[in-house]
């Protein structure tokens, strides 16, 4: 799976869980990280998916989420 992230978050994931997160040369210049799904629990994946969504979601949806809508 490929997740949108920030370069800082990607560096953290690579440093703390190199067996689960990685990237190939193709993705080096992009704020993306590859995930080995067999190495990540559903519980750990959920906030990463939410963060990835937050990186690309329209502002109106982000605002609605912040309001709890």
N, C-alpha and C. Protein backbone atom coordinates (compact mmCIF):
# COMPACT_ATOMS: atom_id res chain seq x y z
N UNK A 1 0.85 -1.16 0.00
CA UNK A 1 0.00 0.00 0.00
C UNK A 1 0.90 1.23 0.00
N UNK A 2 0.47 2.26 -0.69
CA UNK A 2 1.18 3.53 -0.71
C UNK A 2 0.34 4.55 0.05
N UNK A 3 0.97 5.24 1.00
CA UNK A 3 0.29 6.27 1.77
C UNK A 3 0.92 7.63 1.54
N UNK A 4 0.07 8.63 1.44
CA UNK A 4 0.55 10.01 1.41
C UNK A 4 0.98 10.35 2.83
N UNK A 5 2.07 11.07 2.96
CA UNK A 5 2.57 11.48 4.26
C UNK A 5 3.40 12.74 4.09
N UNK A 6 4.14 13.11 5.07
CA UNK A 6 5.11 14.18 4.94
C UNK A 6 6.50 13.54 4.90
N UNK A 7 7.48 14.28 4.44
CA UNK A 7 8.84 13.74 4.43
C UNK A 7 9.32 13.46 5.85
N UNK A 8 8.92 14.31 6.80
CA UNK A 8 9.33 14.13 8.19
C UNK A 8 8.70 12.86 8.78
N UNK A 9 7.41 12.67 8.53
CA UNK A 9 6.73 11.48 9.04
C UNK A 9 7.29 10.22 8.38
N UNK A 10 7.59 10.30 7.10
CA UNK A 10 8.17 9.15 6.41
C UNK A 10 9.51 8.78 7.05
N UNK A 11 10.34 9.76 7.31
CA UNK A 11 11.64 9.49 7.93
C UNK A 11 11.47 8.82 9.28
N UNK A 12 10.49 9.27 10.04
CA UNK A 12 10.21 8.67 11.35
C UNK A 12 9.76 7.21 11.21
N UNK A 13 8.84 6.96 10.29
CA UNK A 13 8.35 5.59 10.08
C UNK A 13 9.48 4.67 9.63
N UNK A 14 10.32 5.15 8.74
CA UNK A 14 11.43 4.34 8.24
C UNK A 14 12.43 4.03 9.36
N UNK A 15 12.65 4.99 10.23
CA UNK A 15 13.60 4.80 11.32
C UNK A 15 13.07 3.88 12.41
N UNK A 16 11.77 3.98 12.67
CA UNK A 16 11.21 3.21 13.79
C UNK A 16 10.66 1.85 13.39
N UNK A 17 10.22 1.69 12.15
CA UNK A 17 9.64 0.42 11.71
C UNK A 17 10.09 0.08 10.29
N UNK A 18 11.40 -0.15 10.10
CA UNK A 18 11.90 -0.40 8.74
C UNK A 18 11.38 -1.69 8.11
N UNK A 19 10.92 -2.62 8.91
CA UNK A 19 10.34 -3.84 8.35
C UNK A 19 8.94 -3.65 7.80
N UNK A 20 8.28 -2.61 8.27
CA UNK A 20 6.90 -2.35 7.87
C UNK A 20 6.78 -1.24 6.84
N UNK A 21 7.68 -0.26 6.90
CA UNK A 21 7.60 0.91 6.02
C UNK A 21 8.87 1.03 5.21
N UNK A 22 8.71 1.42 3.96
CA UNK A 22 9.86 1.55 3.07
C UNK A 22 9.47 2.42 1.89
N UNK A 23 10.44 2.73 1.03
CA UNK A 23 10.12 3.38 -0.23
C UNK A 23 11.15 2.93 -1.25
N UNK A 24 10.79 3.05 -2.49
CA UNK A 24 11.69 2.71 -3.59
C UNK A 24 12.20 4.02 -4.21
N UNK A 25 13.19 3.92 -5.04
CA UNK A 25 13.74 5.11 -5.69
C UNK A 25 12.67 5.91 -6.42
N UNK A 26 11.70 5.22 -6.96
CA UNK A 26 10.62 5.88 -7.68
C UNK A 26 9.90 6.90 -6.80
N UNK A 27 9.79 6.62 -5.49
CA UNK A 27 9.05 7.48 -4.56
C UNK A 27 9.94 8.44 -3.77
N UNK A 28 11.25 8.42 -4.01
CA UNK A 28 12.18 9.22 -3.20
C UNK A 28 11.80 10.70 -3.13
N UNK A 29 11.39 11.28 -4.21
CA UNK A 29 11.11 12.73 -4.27
C UNK A 29 9.65 13.08 -3.96
N UNK A 30 8.88 12.11 -3.53
CA UNK A 30 7.46 12.33 -3.27
C UNK A 30 7.16 12.06 -1.80
N UNK A 31 6.20 12.77 -1.22
CA UNK A 31 5.85 12.55 0.19
C UNK A 31 4.95 11.32 0.36
N UNK A 32 5.50 10.17 0.04
CA UNK A 32 4.77 8.90 0.07
C UNK A 32 5.61 7.86 0.79
N UNK A 33 4.94 6.88 1.37
CA UNK A 33 5.62 5.76 2.00
C UNK A 33 4.89 4.48 1.61
N UNK A 34 5.64 3.43 1.40
CA UNK A 34 5.07 2.12 1.11
C UNK A 34 4.90 1.35 2.42
N UNK A 35 3.83 0.57 2.50
CA UNK A 35 3.50 -0.17 3.72
C UNK A 35 3.42 -1.65 3.41
N UNK A 36 4.11 -2.46 4.18
CA UNK A 36 3.94 -3.91 4.11
C UNK A 36 2.78 -4.25 5.04
N UNK A 37 1.62 -4.47 4.46
CA UNK A 37 0.42 -4.66 5.26
C UNK A 37 0.52 -5.84 6.22
N UNK A 38 1.28 -6.85 5.86
CA UNK A 38 1.44 -8.01 6.75
C UNK A 38 2.23 -7.66 8.00
N UNK A 39 2.88 -6.49 8.01
CA UNK A 39 3.71 -6.09 9.14
C UNK A 39 3.09 -5.00 10.01
N UNK A 40 1.88 -4.56 9.64
CA UNK A 40 1.24 -3.46 10.35
C UNK A 40 -0.15 -3.89 10.79
N UNK A 41 -0.45 -3.66 12.05
CA UNK A 41 -1.79 -4.01 12.55
C UNK A 41 -2.82 -3.01 12.04
N UNK A 42 -4.05 -3.45 12.04
CA UNK A 42 -5.15 -2.57 11.64
C UNK A 42 -5.20 -1.35 12.56
N UNK A 43 -4.95 -1.58 13.83
CA UNK A 43 -4.97 -0.50 14.82
C UNK A 43 -3.88 0.54 14.53
N UNK A 44 -2.71 0.10 14.11
CA UNK A 44 -1.63 1.03 13.79
C UNK A 44 -1.85 1.72 12.44
N UNK A 45 -2.55 1.06 11.55
CA UNK A 45 -2.77 1.61 10.21
C UNK A 45 -3.84 2.71 10.20
N UNK A 46 -4.80 2.60 11.08
CA UNK A 46 -5.92 3.56 11.07
C UNK A 46 -5.47 5.02 11.18
N UNK A 47 -4.63 5.41 12.14
CA UNK A 47 -4.23 6.83 12.19
C UNK A 47 -3.39 7.24 10.98
N UNK A 48 -2.65 6.31 10.41
CA UNK A 48 -1.87 6.63 9.22
C UNK A 48 -2.79 6.91 8.03
N UNK A 49 -3.86 6.15 7.91
CA UNK A 49 -4.84 6.40 6.85
C UNK A 49 -5.54 7.74 7.06
N UNK A 50 -5.87 8.04 8.31
CA UNK A 50 -6.51 9.33 8.61
C UNK A 50 -5.56 10.49 8.27
N UNK A 51 -4.29 10.34 8.62
CA UNK A 51 -3.32 11.38 8.30
C UNK A 51 -3.15 11.54 6.79
N UNK A 52 -3.12 10.41 6.08
CA UNK A 52 -2.98 10.45 4.63
C UNK A 52 -4.17 11.17 4.00
N UNK A 53 -5.36 10.88 4.51
CA UNK A 53 -6.56 11.55 4.01
C UNK A 53 -6.45 13.05 4.29
N UNK A 54 -5.97 13.40 5.48
CA UNK A 54 -5.84 14.80 5.85
C UNK A 54 -4.87 15.57 4.97
N UNK A 55 -3.92 14.88 4.38
CA UNK A 55 -2.96 15.53 3.49
C UNK A 55 -3.58 15.94 2.15
N UNK A 56 -4.68 15.29 1.75
CA UNK A 56 -5.24 15.55 0.43
C UNK A 56 -6.71 15.99 0.45
N UNK A 57 -7.35 15.92 1.59
CA UNK A 57 -8.77 16.25 1.67
C UNK A 57 -9.02 17.74 1.42
N UNK A 58 -10.16 18.05 0.82
CA UNK A 58 -10.51 19.45 0.62
C UNK A 58 -10.70 20.16 1.96
N UNK A 59 -10.44 21.44 1.98
CA UNK A 59 -10.54 22.22 3.23
C UNK A 59 -11.92 22.14 3.85
N UNK A 60 -12.95 22.10 3.04
CA UNK A 60 -14.32 22.06 3.60
C UNK A 60 -14.55 20.75 4.35
N UNK A 61 -13.98 19.65 3.85
CA UNK A 61 -14.12 18.38 4.57
C UNK A 61 -13.29 18.36 5.85
N UNK A 62 -12.12 18.95 5.79
CA UNK A 62 -11.31 19.05 7.00
C UNK A 62 -12.00 19.87 8.06
N UNK A 63 -12.64 20.99 7.64
CA UNK A 63 -13.36 21.83 8.57
C UNK A 63 -14.57 21.08 9.15
N UNK A 64 -15.28 20.35 8.32
CA UNK A 64 -16.44 19.58 8.80
C UNK A 64 -15.99 18.52 9.80
N UNK A 65 -14.88 17.87 9.53
CA UNK A 65 -14.36 16.87 10.46
C UNK A 65 -13.98 17.51 11.79
N UNK A 66 -13.36 18.69 11.74
CA UNK A 66 -12.97 19.38 12.96
C UNK A 66 -14.18 19.78 13.79
N UNK A 67 -15.30 20.06 13.12
CA UNK A 67 -16.55 20.39 13.83
C UNK A 67 -17.26 19.15 14.34
N UNK A 68 -16.78 17.97 13.93
CA UNK A 68 -17.42 16.74 14.36
C UNK A 68 -18.59 16.35 13.49
N UNK A 69 -18.70 16.97 12.32
CA UNK A 69 -19.81 16.67 11.42
C UNK A 69 -19.55 15.42 10.61
